[in-house]
Each structure stands twice: as C-alpha cells, then as structure tokens.
C-alpha atoms as a PDB file:
ATOM      1  CA  UNK A   1      43.765   2.826   3.329  1.00  0.00           C
ATOM      2  CA  UNK A   2      43.135   0.665   6.669  1.00  0.00           C
ATOM      3  CA  UNK A   3      40.566   3.686   7.435  1.00  0.00           C
ATOM      4  CA  UNK A   4      38.885   3.247   4.042  1.00  0.00           C
ATOM      5  CA  UNK A   5      39.025  -1.152   5.373  1.00  0.00           C
ATOM      6  CA  UNK A   6      37.203   0.041   9.154  1.00  0.00           C
ATOM      7  CA  UNK A   7      35.043   2.502   7.932  1.00  0.00           C
ATOM      8  CA  UNK A   8      33.157  -0.321   5.309  1.00  0.00           C
ATOM      9  CA  UNK A   9      33.457  -2.761   7.624  1.00  0.00           C
ATOM     10  CA  UNK A  10      31.195  -0.638   9.970  1.00  0.00           C
ATOM     11  CA  UNK A  11      28.451   0.639   6.869  1.00  0.00           C
ATOM     12  CA  UNK A  12      26.393  -2.368   7.844  1.00  0.00           C
ATOM     13  CA  UNK A  13      26.549  -1.774  10.695  1.00  0.00           C
ATOM     14  CA  UNK A  14      25.276   1.806  10.867  1.00  0.00           C
ATOM     15  CA  UNK A  15      22.690   1.132   8.229  1.00  0.00           C
ATOM     16  CA  UNK A  16      21.427  -1.388  10.664  1.00  0.00           C
ATOM     17  CA  UNK A  17      21.127   1.512  13.521  1.00  0.00           C
ATOM     18  CA  UNK A  18      19.757   4.264  10.626  1.00  0.00           C
ATOM     19  CA  UNK A  19      17.024   1.569   9.894  1.00  0.00           C
ATOM     20  CA  UNK A  20      16.850   0.510  13.847  1.00  0.00           C
ATOM     21  CA  UNK A  21      15.825   4.554  14.749  1.00  0.00           C
ATOM     22  CA  UNK A  22      13.844   5.333  11.710  1.00  0.00           C
ATOM     23  CA  UNK A  23      11.235   2.337  13.028  1.00  0.00           C
ATOM     24  CA  UNK A  24      11.540   3.497  16.412  1.00  0.00           C
ATOM     25  CA  UNK A  25      10.893   7.189  15.349  1.00  0.00           C
ATOM     26  CA  UNK A  26       7.814   5.768  13.381  1.00  0.00           C
ATOM     27  CA  UNK A  27       6.426   3.751  16.495  1.00  0.00           C
ATOM     28  CA  UNK A  28       6.449   6.786  18.055  1.00  0.00           C
ATOM     29  CA  UNK A  29       4.983   8.439  15.094  1.00  0.00           C
ATOM     30  CA  UNK A  30       2.153   7.013  14.716  1.00  0.00           C
ATOM     31  CA  UNK A  31       1.778   6.754  19.090  1.00  0.00           C
ATOM     32  CA  UNK A  32       1.381  10.692  18.866  1.00  0.00           C
ATOM     33  CA  UNK A  33      -0.114  10.995  15.953  1.00  0.00           C
ATOM     34  CA  UNK A  34      -2.781   8.894  16.588  1.00  0.00           C
ATOM     35  CA  UNK A  35      -3.484  10.403  20.678  1.00  0.00           C
ATOM     36  CA  UNK A  36      -3.476  13.454  18.699  1.00  0.00           C
ATOM     37  CA  UNK A  37      -6.828  11.749  16.303  1.00  0.00           C
ATOM     38  CA  UNK A  38      -8.455   9.726  18.636  1.00  0.00           C
ATOM     39  CA  UNK A  39      -9.064  11.988  21.542  1.00  0.00           C
ATOM     40  CA  UNK A  40     -10.917  14.377  20.232  1.00  0.00           C
ATOM     41  CA  UNK A  41     -12.835  11.029  18.177  1.00  0.00           C
ATOM     42  CA  UNK A  42     -13.415   9.395  21.854  1.00  0.00           C
ATOM     43  CA  UNK A  43     -14.257  12.634  23.550  1.00  0.00           C
ATOM     44  CA  UNK A  44     -17.451  13.057  21.080  1.00  0.00           C
ATOM     45  CA  UNK A  45     -17.921   9.788  20.962  1.00  0.00           C
ATOM     46  CA  UNK A  46     -18.202   8.593  23.908  1.00  0.00           C
ATOM     47  CA  UNK A  47     -21.575  10.619  25.237  1.00  0.00           C
ATOM     48  CA  UNK A  48     -23.490   8.750  22.649  1.00  0.00           C
ATOM     49  CA  UNK A  49     -22.143   5.607  23.661  1.00  0.00           C
ATOM     50  CA  UNK A  50     -22.591   6.205  27.308  1.00  0.00           C
ATOM     51  CA  UNK A  51     -26.185   6.872  25.982  1.00  0.00           C
ATOM     52  CA  UNK A  52     -26.731   3.164  25.336  1.00  0.00           C
ATOM     53  CA  UNK A  53     -26.200   2.196  28.292  1.00  0.00           C
ATOM     54  CA  UNK A  54     -24.197  -0.903  27.340  1.00  0.00           C
ATOM     55  CA  UNK A  55     -20.718  -1.742  28.988  1.00  0.00           C
ATOM     56  CA  UNK A  56     -19.542  -4.065  25.792  1.00  0.00           C
ATOM     57  CA  UNK A  57     -20.208  -1.051  23.755  1.00  0.00           C
ATOM     58  CA  UNK A  58     -17.873   1.261  25.825  1.00  0.00           C
ATOM     59  CA  UNK A  59     -15.468  -0.904  26.559  1.00  0.00           C
ATOM     60  CA  UNK A  60     -15.314  -2.232  22.266  1.00  0.00           C
ATOM     61  CA  UNK A  61     -15.342   1.907  21.757  1.00  0.00           C
ATOM     62  CA  UNK A  62     -12.255   2.418  24.027  1.00  0.00           C
ATOM     63  CA  UNK A  63     -10.709  -0.134  23.029  1.00  0.00           C
ATOM     64  CA  UNK A  64     -11.030   0.918  19.088  1.00  0.00           C
ATOM     65  CA  UNK A  65     -10.185   4.740  19.779  1.00  0.00           C
ATOM     66  CA  UNK A  66      -7.254   3.462  21.460  1.00  0.00           C
ATOM     67  CA  UNK A  67      -5.827   1.180  19.214  1.00  0.00           C
ATOM     68  CA  UNK A  68      -6.380   3.611  16.647  1.00  0.00           C
ATOM     69  CA  UNK A  69      -2.749   4.478  16.254  1.00  0.00           C
ATOM     70  CA  UNK A  70      -2.260   1.033  16.178  1.00  0.00           C
ATOM     71  CA  UNK A  71      -4.542  -0.335  13.199  1.00  0.00           C
ATOM     72  CA  UNK A  72      -4.868   3.274  10.918  1.00  0.00           C
ATOM     73  CA  UNK A  73      -1.856   5.617  11.824  1.00  0.00           C
ATOM     74  CA  UNK A  74       0.883   3.169  12.424  1.00  0.00           C
ATOM     75  CA  UNK A  75       0.017   1.679   8.540  1.00  0.00           C
ATOM     76  CA  UNK A  76      -0.105   4.358   7.063  1.00  0.00           C
ATOM     77  CA  UNK A  77       3.163   5.658   8.843  1.00  0.00           C
ATOM     78  CA  UNK A  78       5.029   2.343   7.509  1.00  0.00           C
ATOM     79  CA  UNK A  79       3.211   2.781   3.915  1.00  0.00           C
ATOM     80  CA  UNK A  80       4.887   5.478   3.776  1.00  0.00           C
ATOM     81  CA  UNK A  81       8.096   5.126   5.129  1.00  0.00           C
ATOM     82  CA  UNK A  82       8.500   1.804   2.759  1.00  0.00           C
ATOM     83  CA  UNK A  83       7.826   3.980  -0.524  1.00  0.00           C
ATOM     84  CA  UNK A  84      11.158   5.970  -0.024  1.00  0.00           C
ATOM     85  CA  UNK A  85      12.972   3.175   2.167  1.00  0.00           C
ATOM     86  CA  UNK A  86      13.838  -0.555   1.449  1.00  0.00           C
ATOM     87  CA  UNK A  87      12.377  -1.611   4.915  1.00  0.00           C
ATOM     88  CA  UNK A  88      11.876  -5.208   5.947  1.00  0.00           C
ATOM     89  CA  UNK A  89       8.359  -5.749   6.353  1.00  0.00           C
ATOM     90  CA  UNK A  90       7.766  -8.016   9.208  1.00  0.00           C
ATOM     91  CA  UNK A  91      10.982  -5.888  11.429  1.00  0.00           C
ATOM     92  CA  UNK A  92      10.009  -2.775  10.327  1.00  0.00           C
ATOM     93  CA  UNK A  93       6.302  -3.716  12.200  1.00  0.00           C
ATOM     94  CA  UNK A  94       7.032  -5.420  14.863  1.00  0.00           C
ATOM     95  CA  UNK A  95       9.743  -3.225  15.935  1.00  0.00           C
ATOM     96  CA  UNK A  96       7.554  -0.031  15.118  1.00  0.00           C
ATOM     97  CA  UNK A  97       4.449  -1.540  17.801  1.00  0.00           C
ATOM     98  CA  UNK A  98       6.606  -2.515  19.825  1.00  0.00           C
ATOM     99  CA  UNK A  99       7.951   1.156  20.618  1.00  0.00           C
ATOM    100  CA  UNK A 100       4.638   2.876  20.803  1.00  0.00           C
ATOM    101  CA  UNK A 101       3.510  -0.220  22.670  1.00  0.00           C
ATOM    102  CA  UNK A 102       6.274   0.224  25.041  1.00  0.00           C
ATOM    103  CA  UNK A 103       6.040   3.954  25.187  1.00  0.00           C
ATOM    104  CA  UNK A 104       2.741   2.955  26.367  1.00  0.00           C
ATOM    105  CA  UNK A 105       3.626   0.049  29.403  1.00  0.00           C
ATOM    106  CA  UNK A 106       5.987   3.049  30.318  1.00  0.00           C
ATOM    107  CA  UNK A 107       3.586   5.867  30.665  1.00  0.00           C
ATOM    108  CA  UNK A 108       1.307   3.356  32.728  1.00  0.00           C
ATOM    109  CA  UNK A 109       4.144   2.462  35.102  1.00  0.00           C
ATOM    110  CA  UNK A 110       4.403   6.096  35.676  1.00  0.00           C
ATOM    111  CA  UNK A 111       1.318   7.404  36.142  1.00  0.00           C
ATOM    112  CA  UNK A 112       0.038   4.505  37.663  1.00  0.00           C
ATOM    113  CA  UNK A 113       2.756   2.202  38.526  1.00  0.00           C
ATOM    114  CA  UNK A 114       2.992  -1.467  38.918  1.00  0.00           C
ATOM    115  CA  UNK A 115      -1.145  -1.193  39.399  1.00  0.00           C
ATOM    116  CA  UNK A 116      -1.665   0.613  36.194  1.00  0.00           C
ATOM    117  CA  UNK A 117      -0.472  -2.890  34.574  1.00  0.00           C
ATOM    118  CA  UNK A 118      -3.013  -5.201  36.603  1.00  0.00           C
ATOM    119  CA  UNK A 119      -6.549  -5.281  34.199  1.00  0.00           C
ATOM    120  CA  UNK A 120      -8.479  -8.283  33.829  1.00  0.00           C
ATOM    121  CA  UNK A 121      -7.331 -10.849  31.464  1.00  0.00           C
ATOM    122  CA  UNK A 122     -10.346 -10.477  29.008  1.00  0.00           C
ATOM    123  CA  UNK A 123      -8.473  -7.205  28.343  1.00  0.00           C
ATOM    124  CA  UNK A 124      -5.255  -7.893  27.727  1.00  0.00           C
ATOM    125  CA  UNK A 125      -6.384 -10.652  26.028  1.00  0.00           C
ATOM    126  CA  UNK A 126      -7.983  -8.251  23.840  1.00  0.00           C
ATOM    127  CA  UNK A 127      -5.551  -5.656  23.683  1.00  0.00           C
ATOM    128  CA  UNK A 128      -3.026  -8.526  22.726  1.00  0.00           C
ATOM    129  CA  UNK A 129      -5.450  -9.530  19.358  1.00  0.00           C
ATOM    130  CA  UNK A 130      -5.809  -5.901  18.531  1.00  0.00           C
ATOM    131  CA  UNK A 131      -1.445  -5.587  18.994  1.00  0.00           C
ATOM    132  CA  UNK A 132      -1.629  -8.328  16.277  1.00  0.00           C
ATOM    133  CA  UNK A 133      -4.007  -6.916  14.132  1.00  0.00           C
ATOM    134  CA  UNK A 134      -1.859  -3.860  13.936  1.00  0.00           C
ATOM    135  CA  UNK A 135       1.623  -5.713  13.214  1.00  0.00           C
ATOM    136  CA  UNK A 136       0.367  -7.172  10.556  1.00  0.00           C
ATOM    137  CA  UNK A 137      -1.893  -4.950   8.685  1.00  0.00           C
ATOM    138  CA  UNK A 138       1.948  -2.655   9.597  1.00  0.00           C
ATOM    139  CA  UNK A 139       3.280  -5.223   7.595  1.00  0.00           C
ATOM    140  CA  UNK A 140       0.422  -5.828   4.878  1.00  0.00           C
ATOM    141  CA  UNK A 141       0.943  -2.140   4.501  1.00  0.00           C
ATOM    142  CA  UNK A 142       4.699  -2.397   3.889  1.00  0.00           C
ATOM    143  CA  UNK A 143       4.752  -5.137   1.496  1.00  0.00           C
ATOM    144  CA  UNK A 144       2.372  -3.140  -0.496  1.00  0.00           C
ATOM    145  CA  UNK A 145       4.148   0.032  -0.687  1.00  0.00           C
ATOM    146  CA  UNK A 146       7.775  -1.602  -1.498  1.00  0.00           C
ATOM    147  CA  UNK A 147       5.595  -3.982  -4.093  1.00  0.00           C
ATOM    148  CA  UNK A 148       4.330  -0.214  -5.354  1.00  0.00           C
ATOM    149  CA  UNK A 149       7.712   1.973  -4.833  1.00  0.00           C
ATOM    150  CA  UNK A 150       9.553  -1.225  -7.377  1.00  0.00           C
ATOM    151  CA  UNK A 151       6.317  -0.923 -10.649  1.00  0.00           C
ATOM    152  CA  UNK A 152       6.953   2.775 -10.233  1.00  0.00           C
ATOM    153  CA  UNK A 153      10.832   2.523 -10.448  1.00  0.00           C
ATOM    154  CA  UNK A 154      10.383   0.039 -13.469  1.00  0.00           C
ATOM    155  CA  UNK A 155       7.998   2.454 -15.526  1.00  0.00           C
ATOM    156  CA  UNK A 156      10.418   5.184 -14.613  1.00  0.00           C
ATOM    157  CA  UNK A 157      13.262   2.548 -16.185  1.00  0.00           C
ATOM    158  CA  UNK A 158      11.118   2.000 -18.638  1.00  0.00           C
ATOM    159  CA  UNK A 159       9.970   5.515 -20.124  1.00  0.00           C
ATOM    160  CA  UNK A 160      13.589   6.494 -19.492  1.00  0.00           C
ATOM    161  CA  UNK A 161      14.739   3.653 -21.837  1.00  0.00           C
ATOM    162  CA  UNK A 162      12.019   4.741 -24.672  1.00  0.00           C
ATOM    163  CA  UNK A 163      13.281   8.886 -23.792  1.00  0.00           C
ATOM    164  CA  UNK A 164      16.510   7.280 -24.526  1.00  0.00           C
ATOM    165  CA  UNK A 165      15.982   5.187 -28.155  1.00  0.00           C
ATOM    166  CA  UNK A 166      13.723   8.269 -29.255  1.00  0.00           C
ATOM    167  CA  UNK A 167      17.199  10.511 -28.861  1.00  0.00           C
ATOM    168  CA  UNK A 168      18.977   8.544 -30.708  1.00  0.00           C
ATOM    169  CA  UNK A 169      16.828   7.888 -32.738  1.00  0.00           C
ATOM    170  CA  UNK A 170      16.519  11.661 -33.455  1.00  0.00           C
ATOM    171  CA  UNK A 171      20.034  11.650 -33.133  1.00  0.00           C
ATOM    172  CA  UNK A 172      20.482   9.255 -36.379  1.00  0.00           C
ATOM    173  CA  UNK A 173      18.289  11.319 -38.377  1.00  0.00           C
ATOM    174  CA  UNK A 174      19.864  14.184 -37.684  1.00  0.00           C
ATOM    175  CA  UNK A 175      23.143  12.408 -39.165  1.00  0.00           C
ATOM    176  CA  UNK A 176      21.294  11.179 -42.001  1.00  0.00           C
ATOM    177  CA  UNK A 177      19.557  15.277 -43.253  1.00  0.00           C
ATOM    178  CA  UNK A 178      22.843  17.159 -42.318  1.00  0.00           C
ATOM    179  CA  UNK A 179      26.438  16.986 -44.616  1.00  0.00           C
ATOM    180  CA  UNK A 180      29.131  15.691 -44.286  1.00  0.00           C
ATOM    181  CA  UNK A 181      31.196  18.487 -43.711  1.00  0.00           C
ATOM    182  CA  UNK A 182      28.393  20.102 -41.485  1.00  0.00           C
ATOM    183  CA  UNK A 183      26.160  23.309 -42.015  1.00  0.00           C
ATOM    184  CA  UNK A 184      28.251  26.477 -42.954  1.00  0.00           C
ATOM    185  CA  UNK A 185      25.646  29.370 -43.064  1.00  0.00           C
ATOM    186  CA  UNK A 186      28.758  31.206 -45.706  1.00  0.00           C
ATOM    187  CA  UNK A 187      28.717  27.793 -48.227  1.00  0.00           C
ATOM    188  CA  UNK A 188      25.605  28.830 -49.400  1.00  0.00           C
ATOM    189  CA  UNK A 189      26.868  32.024 -50.600  1.00  0.00           C
END
C-alpha cells in the first residue's frame, strides 16, 4: 500500500523529467539537423554572395544560414512533437532553443575560449533578435500542432460515435428480423 503511494507521489515528478528530456532532445535534434542542412547551403551560397562584394550581404547570409536551425528546423520539430505529446508552448519553445543555443556557446567556449564569445554588439543584438524570433516561431508551431491534434481527436471521436450508432441501428434491425426463438435451419424441414 505504501509503495503505491510513493509511486503515485513521484509520478508528477517523473512526468516533468520525461518532458524535460524530450525538450532537451528536441533542441539537440534541431541544432544537428539544422547544421546538416545549413552547412552545404552556406557553402553553395558563399561564392555568389562574395561576388557581390557587399559586407552586409555576407553578414546577413551568415546570420540566416546559422539561424536556420532556429527559424525552420526547431519549429518543425516542435510541431511534430506537439502533434504526439501534450506540450506547453512557451516552455517547450524556450527550453529547446536554449538547449541548442547553449550547445553552440559551449562549442564556442571549447574551440576559442572566451574570445569565441566576444563579438561586436550589433552582432549580439541580431543574434538575440534571431533567438527571440525562433522561440516565437516554435511556440506558434506548438500551439498550431496542439490545435490540429485536438481537431483530429474530435473528428475521430465523432467518427467512432457514428460507427457505434450505425452498429446499434444494425443490431436493432437484425433483432426485428430474426424470430424470437432464433434462427434454426432445421425448422423449415
């Protein structure tokens, strides 16, 4: 009896830990998948942008390609996960984005030390705006996915009810057709 009380008392904590693990995994997945997509894309676009000889275009390209994981891949991952799991919009979006960004900061620290984090202020502001935009996009993806999942669940419930009603009507019609004693094939002989 006491073991079941312990298990039930720990269940909310276990659910939170599982949700935390899912959100952290989503952040890593989005970062890695975004890197796999953005690296070849950046290499193909770099010579074309360099030919324009515009510094702002090169900075914009670098920012757009490096933020691809946050603007496109993370919202897609959040949407897919929210279709299956009941996720909280803000905590999921912010937690997954912080996980990916934290991993990028860790890589910068390991590869370049504190010098890897020292960048001009406008670049840091653009990165902050990019991060905020990615979080908002991911939150929107979670909200839309949960709404879609609710609509699909409601449609399935309605279809099940229609099917149950059809079966009940069929059973009632069969009961009226069959004689009260049931059908015995030998009675007709």
